[in-house]
Amino acid sequence: MAVTATVLSLVATVAGCSRASSGGDTASVAGTGTPATEVRLGYFPNVTHASALIGLEEGYFTKELGSTKLTPTKFNAGPDEVAALLGGSLDIGFIGSGPAINAFAKSDGQQVRLISGATSGGAQLVVKPEINTPQDLQGKTVADPQAGNTQDVSLKKWISGQKLTGVNVQNSDNATTLDLFRKGQVVGGWLPEPWSSRLVVDAGAKVLVDEKNLWPDGKFPTTVLVVRTQFLNEHPQTVQAILRAVQQANGLATTNATEAKAAVNRQLKALTGSSLSQPVIDRAFANIELTVDPLASRFPQLAQDQVTAGVAKSAPSLNGFFDLAALNAVLSQAGKPAVSADGLDKK
């Protein structure tokens, strides 16, 4: 799309300063590199990926990308998306914070960069009405989406913190968890939205733990955006286009929540064959905050949580994981304040 010389000059200044301060080697976000012929974008059919769903439904990604072909790819859990990113079959992905860390660690800090936040909040441990305390879970089975995913780490860390030794954790996809809960084969699940709300509204569960209550100010990164480092280096303009679309999606959720919810529901209908009831989507949206701030200060704790949860033997170094130059250039263009990498952009 056409960009005025004035804007190009502004972006070059902002990007140049950001890269200088970060010590990274990503190509300047202004003007260098070439727009990608195609961008392969990963996301989940979850309300915690509302920015992606809104952007797809409202055409924001297509509009901002111009002649670049958009190829959206649906995933159901983070580890599968990590495999696609590291295997080179995916360029940019909306993904949970835990798998994002894993992708960085597995590639020795080389193949991926975290470029933006997407969603804060939106995960709960919901259980049968007769479960009143953590100890009531002893000898019971609790579900989460997949081993090593964001909710799996949160659940296992919480179990460790409660000193529970008899809780069986079962990994199953979210729709299966709903069926298992209704059949009494699991007593609950640590689930992202809208699935925690579906168990509450549609199946009579109650909240035992709202994860936001375990974090300062109730904020924690449920969904972030990561990109293959090579793609970021070669196509910074395309990355900016994706981030502009995310900003527009978040803006719609702020200014017209009714349409944003409807857009998410239309996408879910197209992707899964069914939409959410109004009570479910209302509850799910009430539990999330769409924000491009990745809440970088939370990531050292998230990395350590993987050790506590038994998912990793040691917490990986996250130095150089963040590259927010493109995001902060987009925010500057929109007259919005920059977000911080909390030092994690430095190697």
Protein backbone atom coordinates (compact mmCIF):
# COMPACT_ATOMS: atom_id res chain seq x y z
CA MET A 1 0.00 0.00 0.00
CA ALA A 2 1.19 3.54 -0.61
CA VAL A 3 3.05 5.19 2.24
CA THR A 4 3.99 8.83 2.23
CA ALA A 5 7.60 9.90 2.41
CA THR A 6 6.88 11.63 5.69
CA VAL A 7 5.62 8.45 7.31
CA LEU A 8 8.53 6.47 5.90
CA SER A 9 10.94 8.98 7.39
CA LEU A 10 9.22 8.81 10.78
CA VAL A 11 9.21 5.03 10.82
CA ALA A 12 12.85 4.89 9.79
CA THR A 13 13.76 7.14 12.70
CA VAL A 14 11.73 5.18 15.23
CA ALA A 15 12.87 1.80 13.93
CA GLY A 16 16.49 2.83 13.77
CA CYS A 17 16.46 4.04 17.37
CA SER A 18 14.71 0.89 18.54
CA ARG A 19 17.14 -1.43 16.81
CA ALA A 20 20.10 0.53 18.08
CA SER A 21 18.87 0.24 21.64
CA SER A 22 18.04 -3.45 21.35
CA GLY A 23 21.34 -4.53 19.88
CA GLY A 24 19.52 -6.87 17.48
CA ASP A 25 20.29 -7.49 13.85
CA THR A 26 16.77 -7.54 12.41
CA ALA A 27 16.42 -5.51 9.24
CA SER A 28 15.10 -1.99 9.81
CA VAL A 29 11.32 -1.98 9.82
CA ALA A 30 11.24 0.93 7.39
CA GLY A 31 11.75 0.36 3.73
CA THR A 32 14.38 -2.38 3.69
CA GLY A 33 13.59 -5.89 2.60
CA THR A 34 10.68 -6.63 0.29
CA PRO A 35 7.00 -7.38 0.90
CA ALA A 36 6.41 -11.10 1.06
CA THR A 37 4.62 -12.84 -1.80
CA GLU A 38 2.75 -14.90 0.79
CA VAL A 39 2.39 -14.90 4.57
CA ARG A 40 1.29 -18.07 6.34
CA LEU A 41 -0.53 -17.09 9.53
CA GLY A 42 -1.29 -19.52 12.36
CA TYR A 43 -4.03 -19.17 14.97
CA PHE A 44 -6.48 -21.17 17.09
CA PRO A 45 -10.31 -21.26 16.96
CA ASN A 46 -10.42 -19.88 20.52
CA VAL A 47 -11.71 -16.61 21.92
CA THR A 48 -8.21 -16.07 23.33
CA HIS A 49 -7.22 -15.65 19.66
CA ALA A 50 -9.95 -13.07 19.07
CA SER A 51 -7.58 -10.60 17.38
CA ALA A 52 -6.84 -13.17 14.69
CA LEU A 53 -10.48 -14.16 14.27
CA ILE A 54 -11.69 -10.56 14.06
CA GLY A 55 -8.89 -9.64 11.66
CA LEU A 56 -9.78 -12.53 9.37
CA GLU A 57 -13.53 -11.98 9.48
CA GLU A 58 -13.41 -8.21 8.99
CA GLY A 59 -10.78 -8.42 6.25
CA TYR A 60 -8.19 -6.35 8.13
CA PHE A 61 -5.29 -8.67 7.30
CA THR A 62 -6.17 -8.83 3.61
CA LYS A 63 -6.56 -5.06 3.39
CA GLU A 64 -3.26 -4.28 5.09
CA LEU A 65 -1.31 -6.94 3.20
CA GLY A 66 -2.32 -5.60 -0.21
CA SER A 67 -0.83 -7.84 -2.90
CA THR A 68 0.68 -10.26 -0.37
CA LYS A 69 -1.29 -13.50 -0.27
CA LEU A 70 -2.65 -14.45 3.15
CA THR A 71 -2.75 -18.17 3.99
CA PRO A 72 -4.43 -18.70 7.36
CA THR A 73 -3.77 -22.02 9.11
CA LYS A 74 -5.79 -23.30 12.06
CA PHE A 75 -4.15 -25.10 14.98
CA ASN A 76 -5.64 -26.57 18.14
CA ALA A 77 -2.63 -26.52 20.49
CA GLY A 78 0.68 -24.70 20.77
CA PRO A 79 3.18 -27.56 20.35
CA ASP A 80 1.78 -28.34 16.88
CA GLU A 81 2.16 -24.71 15.87
CA VAL A 82 5.72 -24.65 17.21
CA ALA A 83 6.55 -27.60 14.98
CA ALA A 84 5.17 -25.72 11.96
CA LEU A 85 7.16 -22.58 12.79
CA LEU A 86 10.42 -24.42 13.33
CA GLY A 87 9.78 -26.59 10.29
CA GLY A 88 9.37 -23.51 8.10
CA SER A 89 5.77 -24.17 7.05
CA LEU A 90 4.42 -21.20 9.04
CA ASP A 91 5.62 -17.59 9.04
CA ILE A 92 3.73 -15.82 11.84
CA GLY A 93 1.64 -17.35 14.59
CA PHE A 94 -0.78 -16.38 17.31
CA ILE A 95 0.33 -18.75 20.05
CA GLY A 96 0.34 -19.31 23.78
CA SER A 97 3.16 -17.86 25.84
CA GLY A 98 4.44 -21.29 26.91
CA PRO A 99 4.86 -22.75 23.42
CA ALA A 100 6.34 -19.43 22.28
CA ILE A 101 9.07 -19.82 24.90
CA ASN A 102 9.57 -23.43 23.83
CA ALA A 103 9.99 -22.44 20.18
CA PHE A 104 12.69 -19.94 21.13
CA ALA A 105 14.46 -22.43 23.40
CA LYS A 106 14.28 -25.35 20.96
CA SER A 107 15.91 -23.28 18.24
CA ASP A 108 18.69 -22.05 20.57
CA GLY A 109 17.26 -18.55 20.35
CA GLN A 110 17.67 -18.41 16.59
CA GLN A 111 14.51 -19.17 14.63
CA VAL A 112 11.70 -17.15 16.22
CA ARG A 113 11.06 -13.72 17.69
CA LEU A 114 8.17 -12.50 19.78
CA ILE A 115 6.81 -9.39 18.05
CA SER A 116 3.59 -8.52 19.90
CA GLY A 117 1.10 -9.42 22.54
CA ALA A 118 -2.46 -10.39 21.65
CA THR A 119 -4.48 -11.43 24.71
CA SER A 120 -4.16 -11.14 28.46
CA GLY A 121 -6.27 -13.41 30.69
CA GLY A 122 -8.87 -15.91 29.62
CA ALA A 123 -7.89 -19.15 31.37
CA GLN A 124 -9.60 -20.84 34.32
CA LEU A 125 -9.70 -24.11 36.22
CA VAL A 126 -13.38 -25.03 36.11
CA VAL A 127 -14.69 -28.05 38.00
CA LYS A 128 -17.72 -30.06 39.08
CA PRO A 129 -19.91 -28.28 41.66
CA GLU A 130 -18.90 -30.75 44.38
CA ILE A 131 -15.22 -29.76 44.09
CA ASN A 132 -14.74 -27.03 46.70
CA THR A 133 -11.03 -27.12 47.57
CA PRO A 134 -7.81 -28.14 45.85
CA GLN A 135 -7.69 -31.20 48.07
CA ASP A 136 -11.00 -32.38 46.61
CA LEU A 137 -9.10 -33.06 43.36
CA GLN A 138 -7.00 -35.82 44.94
CA GLY A 139 -7.58 -39.04 43.04
CA LYS A 140 -9.50 -37.22 40.30
CA THR A 141 -8.76 -36.50 36.63
CA VAL A 142 -8.41 -32.94 35.33
CA ALA A 143 -7.97 -32.07 31.65
CA ASP A 144 -5.98 -29.50 29.71
CA PRO A 145 -5.44 -29.05 25.95
CA GLN A 146 -2.02 -30.60 25.31
CA ALA A 147 1.17 -31.56 27.13
CA GLY A 148 3.49 -28.57 27.27
CA ASN A 149 0.90 -26.01 26.18
CA THR A 150 0.23 -22.83 28.15
CA GLN A 151 -2.63 -24.21 30.23
CA ASP A 152 -0.79 -27.49 30.85
CA VAL A 153 2.10 -25.59 32.42
CA SER A 154 -0.26 -23.44 34.50
CA LEU A 155 -2.20 -26.45 35.78
CA LYS A 156 0.88 -28.50 36.67
CA LYS A 157 2.55 -25.54 38.38
CA TRP A 158 -0.61 -24.94 40.43
CA ILE A 159 -0.84 -28.64 41.37
CA SER A 160 2.79 -28.51 42.52
CA GLY A 161 2.14 -25.36 44.53
CA GLN A 162 -0.85 -26.98 46.24
CA LYS A 163 1.31 -30.06 47.02
CA LEU A 164 -1.24 -32.35 45.39
CA THR A 165 0.26 -35.73 44.53
CA GLY A 166 -2.80 -37.66 43.39
CA VAL A 167 -4.24 -35.58 40.57
CA ASN A 168 -4.27 -37.17 37.13
CA VAL A 169 -3.74 -34.69 34.30
CA GLN A 170 -5.29 -35.77 31.02
CA ASN A 171 -4.46 -34.02 27.77
CA SER A 172 -7.39 -33.79 25.39
CA ASP A 173 -8.60 -31.27 22.85
CA ASN A 174 -11.07 -28.77 24.20
CA ALA A 175 -14.21 -30.14 22.54
CA THR A 176 -13.39 -33.61 23.83
CA THR A 177 -12.90 -32.21 27.34
CA LEU A 178 -16.42 -30.80 27.26
CA ASP A 179 -17.80 -34.24 26.37
CA LEU A 180 -15.68 -35.96 29.00
CA PHE A 181 -16.86 -33.49 31.63
CA ARG A 182 -20.50 -34.08 30.76
CA LYS A 183 -19.95 -37.84 31.00
CA GLY A 184 -18.21 -37.51 34.37
CA GLN A 185 -14.91 -38.87 33.05
CA VAL A 186 -13.05 -35.73 34.13
CA VAL A 187 -13.98 -33.47 37.03
CA GLY A 188 -12.73 -30.32 35.38
CA GLY A 189 -10.20 -28.65 33.17
CA TRP A 190 -7.71 -25.78 33.06
CA LEU A 191 -8.97 -24.28 29.83
CA PRO A 192 -8.73 -21.20 27.62
CA GLU A 193 -11.76 -19.22 26.52
CA PRO A 194 -14.32 -20.01 25.28
CA TRP A 195 -13.97 -23.52 26.70
CA SER A 196 -13.92 -22.58 30.36
CA SER A 197 -17.10 -20.60 29.72
CA ARG A 198 -18.65 -23.48 27.80
CA LEU A 199 -18.11 -25.82 30.74
CA VAL A 200 -19.61 -23.24 33.10
CA VAL A 201 -22.58 -22.10 31.01
CA ASP A 202 -23.35 -25.25 29.02
CA ALA A 203 -22.29 -28.00 31.44
CA GLY A 204 -22.77 -26.62 34.95
CA ALA A 205 -19.12 -26.24 36.01
CA LYS A 206 -17.89 -23.65 38.48
CA VAL A 207 -14.62 -21.75 38.73
CA LEU A 208 -12.11 -23.09 41.23
CA VAL A 209 -9.18 -20.97 40.01
CA ASP A 210 -9.19 -17.93 37.72
CA GLU A 211 -5.61 -17.67 36.52
CA LYS A 212 -5.68 -13.88 36.48
CA ASN A 213 -5.87 -13.99 40.28
CA LEU A 214 -2.43 -15.62 40.33
CA TRP A 215 -0.70 -12.71 38.55
CA PRO A 216 0.09 -9.09 39.50
CA ASP A 217 -2.71 -6.73 38.46
CA GLY A 218 -4.58 -9.75 37.04
CA LYS A 219 -2.56 -9.58 33.81
CA PHE A 220 -0.70 -12.42 32.12
CA PRO A 221 0.02 -13.15 28.44
CA THR A 222 -2.27 -15.90 27.21
CA THR A 223 -1.66 -15.29 23.50
CA VAL A 224 1.25 -13.57 21.75
CA LEU A 225 2.53 -13.23 18.18
CA VAL A 226 5.76 -14.85 17.08
CA VAL A 227 7.47 -14.78 13.70
CA ARG A 228 10.24 -16.74 12.06
CA THR A 229 13.37 -14.63 12.41
CA GLN A 230 14.24 -15.07 8.74
CA PHE A 231 10.81 -13.84 7.70
CA LEU A 232 11.12 -10.80 9.97
CA ASN A 233 14.53 -9.98 8.53
CA GLU A 234 13.41 -10.35 4.92
CA HIS A 235 9.89 -8.90 5.09
CA PRO A 236 9.58 -6.28 7.85
CA GLN A 237 6.88 -4.40 5.90
CA THR A 238 4.71 -7.52 5.84
CA VAL A 239 5.15 -7.97 9.57
CA GLN A 240 4.07 -4.36 10.10
CA ALA A 241 1.00 -4.96 7.95
CA ILE A 242 -0.02 -7.89 10.16
CA LEU A 243 0.48 -5.77 13.27
CA ARG A 244 -1.62 -2.93 11.85
CA ALA A 245 -4.42 -5.42 11.27
CA VAL A 246 -4.12 -6.66 14.85
CA GLN A 247 -4.41 -3.08 16.07
CA GLN A 248 -7.57 -2.62 14.01
CA ALA A 249 -9.07 -5.84 15.38
CA ASN A 250 -8.36 -4.77 18.94
CA GLY A 251 -9.80 -1.36 18.18
CA LEU A 252 -13.06 -2.91 17.00
CA ALA A 253 -13.29 -4.92 20.21
CA THR A 254 -12.95 -1.66 22.16
CA THR A 255 -15.31 0.51 20.14
CA ASN A 256 -17.91 -2.02 19.02
CA ALA A 257 -17.82 -5.11 21.23
CA THR A 258 -21.09 -6.36 19.76
CA GLU A 259 -19.66 -6.56 16.24
CA ALA A 260 -16.36 -7.94 17.52
CA LYS A 261 -18.16 -10.80 19.27
CA ALA A 262 -20.27 -11.43 16.18
CA ALA A 263 -17.15 -11.52 14.00
CA VAL A 264 -15.52 -14.06 16.31
CA ASN A 265 -18.68 -16.16 16.30
CA ARG A 266 -18.90 -16.13 12.51
CA GLN A 267 -15.31 -17.32 12.28
CA LEU A 268 -15.88 -20.04 14.87
CA LYS A 269 -18.93 -21.21 12.93
CA ALA A 270 -16.88 -21.40 9.73
CA LEU A 271 -13.94 -23.13 11.43
CA THR A 272 -15.70 -25.58 13.75
CA GLY A 273 -19.22 -25.90 12.37
CA SER A 274 -20.87 -24.30 15.40
CA SER A 275 -21.04 -20.90 17.01
CA LEU A 276 -21.21 -19.93 20.68
CA SER A 277 -24.35 -19.00 22.53
CA GLN A 278 -24.59 -15.35 23.53
CA PRO A 279 -24.10 -16.10 27.26
CA VAL A 280 -20.93 -18.07 26.48
CA ILE A 281 -19.34 -15.47 24.22
CA ASP A 282 -20.31 -12.64 26.58
CA ARG A 283 -18.67 -14.45 29.50
CA ALA A 284 -15.60 -15.34 27.44
CA PHE A 285 -15.06 -11.75 26.30
CA ALA A 286 -15.46 -10.49 29.86
CA ASN A 287 -12.51 -12.67 30.88
CA ILE A 288 -9.99 -11.44 28.29
CA GLU A 289 -8.21 -8.23 27.38
CA LEU A 290 -7.02 -7.74 23.82
CA THR A 291 -3.68 -5.95 23.98
CA VAL A 292 -0.54 -5.73 21.87
CA ASP A 293 1.49 -5.33 25.06
CA PRO A 294 3.19 -8.73 25.46
CA LEU A 295 3.65 -8.14 29.20
CA ALA A 296 7.33 -8.93 28.83
CA SER A 297 8.03 -8.71 32.55
CA ARG A 298 5.99 -11.90 33.07
CA PHE A 299 8.15 -14.06 30.83
CA PRO A 300 11.02 -14.92 33.18
CA GLN A 301 8.42 -16.28 35.60
CA LEU A 302 6.66 -18.16 32.80
CA ALA A 303 9.97 -19.76 31.84
CA GLN A 304 10.59 -20.78 35.46
CA ASP A 305 7.03 -22.13 35.71
CA GLN A 306 7.89 -24.75 33.09
CA VAL A 307 10.51 -26.11 35.47
CA THR A 308 8.11 -26.08 38.41
CA ALA A 309 5.54 -27.87 36.26
CA GLY A 310 8.06 -30.53 35.26
CA VAL A 311 7.81 -29.60 31.59
CA ALA A 312 11.43 -28.40 31.34
CA LYS A 313 14.61 -29.30 33.24
CA SER A 314 15.82 -25.70 33.38
CA ALA A 315 14.44 -22.29 32.53
CA PRO A 316 15.78 -21.13 29.16
CA SER A 317 17.47 -17.78 28.73
CA LEU A 318 15.08 -15.39 27.00
CA ASN A 319 17.69 -12.82 26.00
CA GLY A 320 16.97 -11.67 22.46
CA PHE A 321 13.56 -13.34 22.36
CA PHE A 322 11.65 -10.08 21.89
CA ASP A 323 11.82 -7.82 18.84
CA LEU A 324 9.23 -5.08 19.22
CA ALA A 325 10.71 -2.67 16.66
CA ALA A 326 7.96 -3.32 14.10
CA LEU A 327 5.22 -3.08 16.73
CA ASN A 328 6.52 0.15 18.18
CA ALA A 329 6.83 1.65 14.70
CA VAL A 330 3.16 0.80 14.08
CA LEU A 331 2.18 2.24 17.46
CA SER A 332 4.15 5.40 16.73
CA GLN A 333 2.33 5.84 13.43
CA ALA A 334 -0.96 5.53 15.31
CA GLY A 335 0.10 8.07 17.95
CA LYS A 336 0.20 5.41 20.68
CA PRO A 337 2.93 4.86 23.29
CA ALA A 338 5.59 2.23 22.76
CA VAL A 339 5.53 -1.04 24.69
CA SER A 340 8.50 -2.44 26.58
CA ALA A 341 10.50 -5.59 26.00
CA ASP A 342 11.72 -5.33 29.61
CA GLY A 343 15.27 -5.95 28.42
CA LEU A 344 14.43 -9.22 26.65
CA ASP A 345 15.27 -7.71 23.26
CA LYS A 346 18.95 -7.71 24.22
CA LYS A 347 21.18 -10.71 23.62
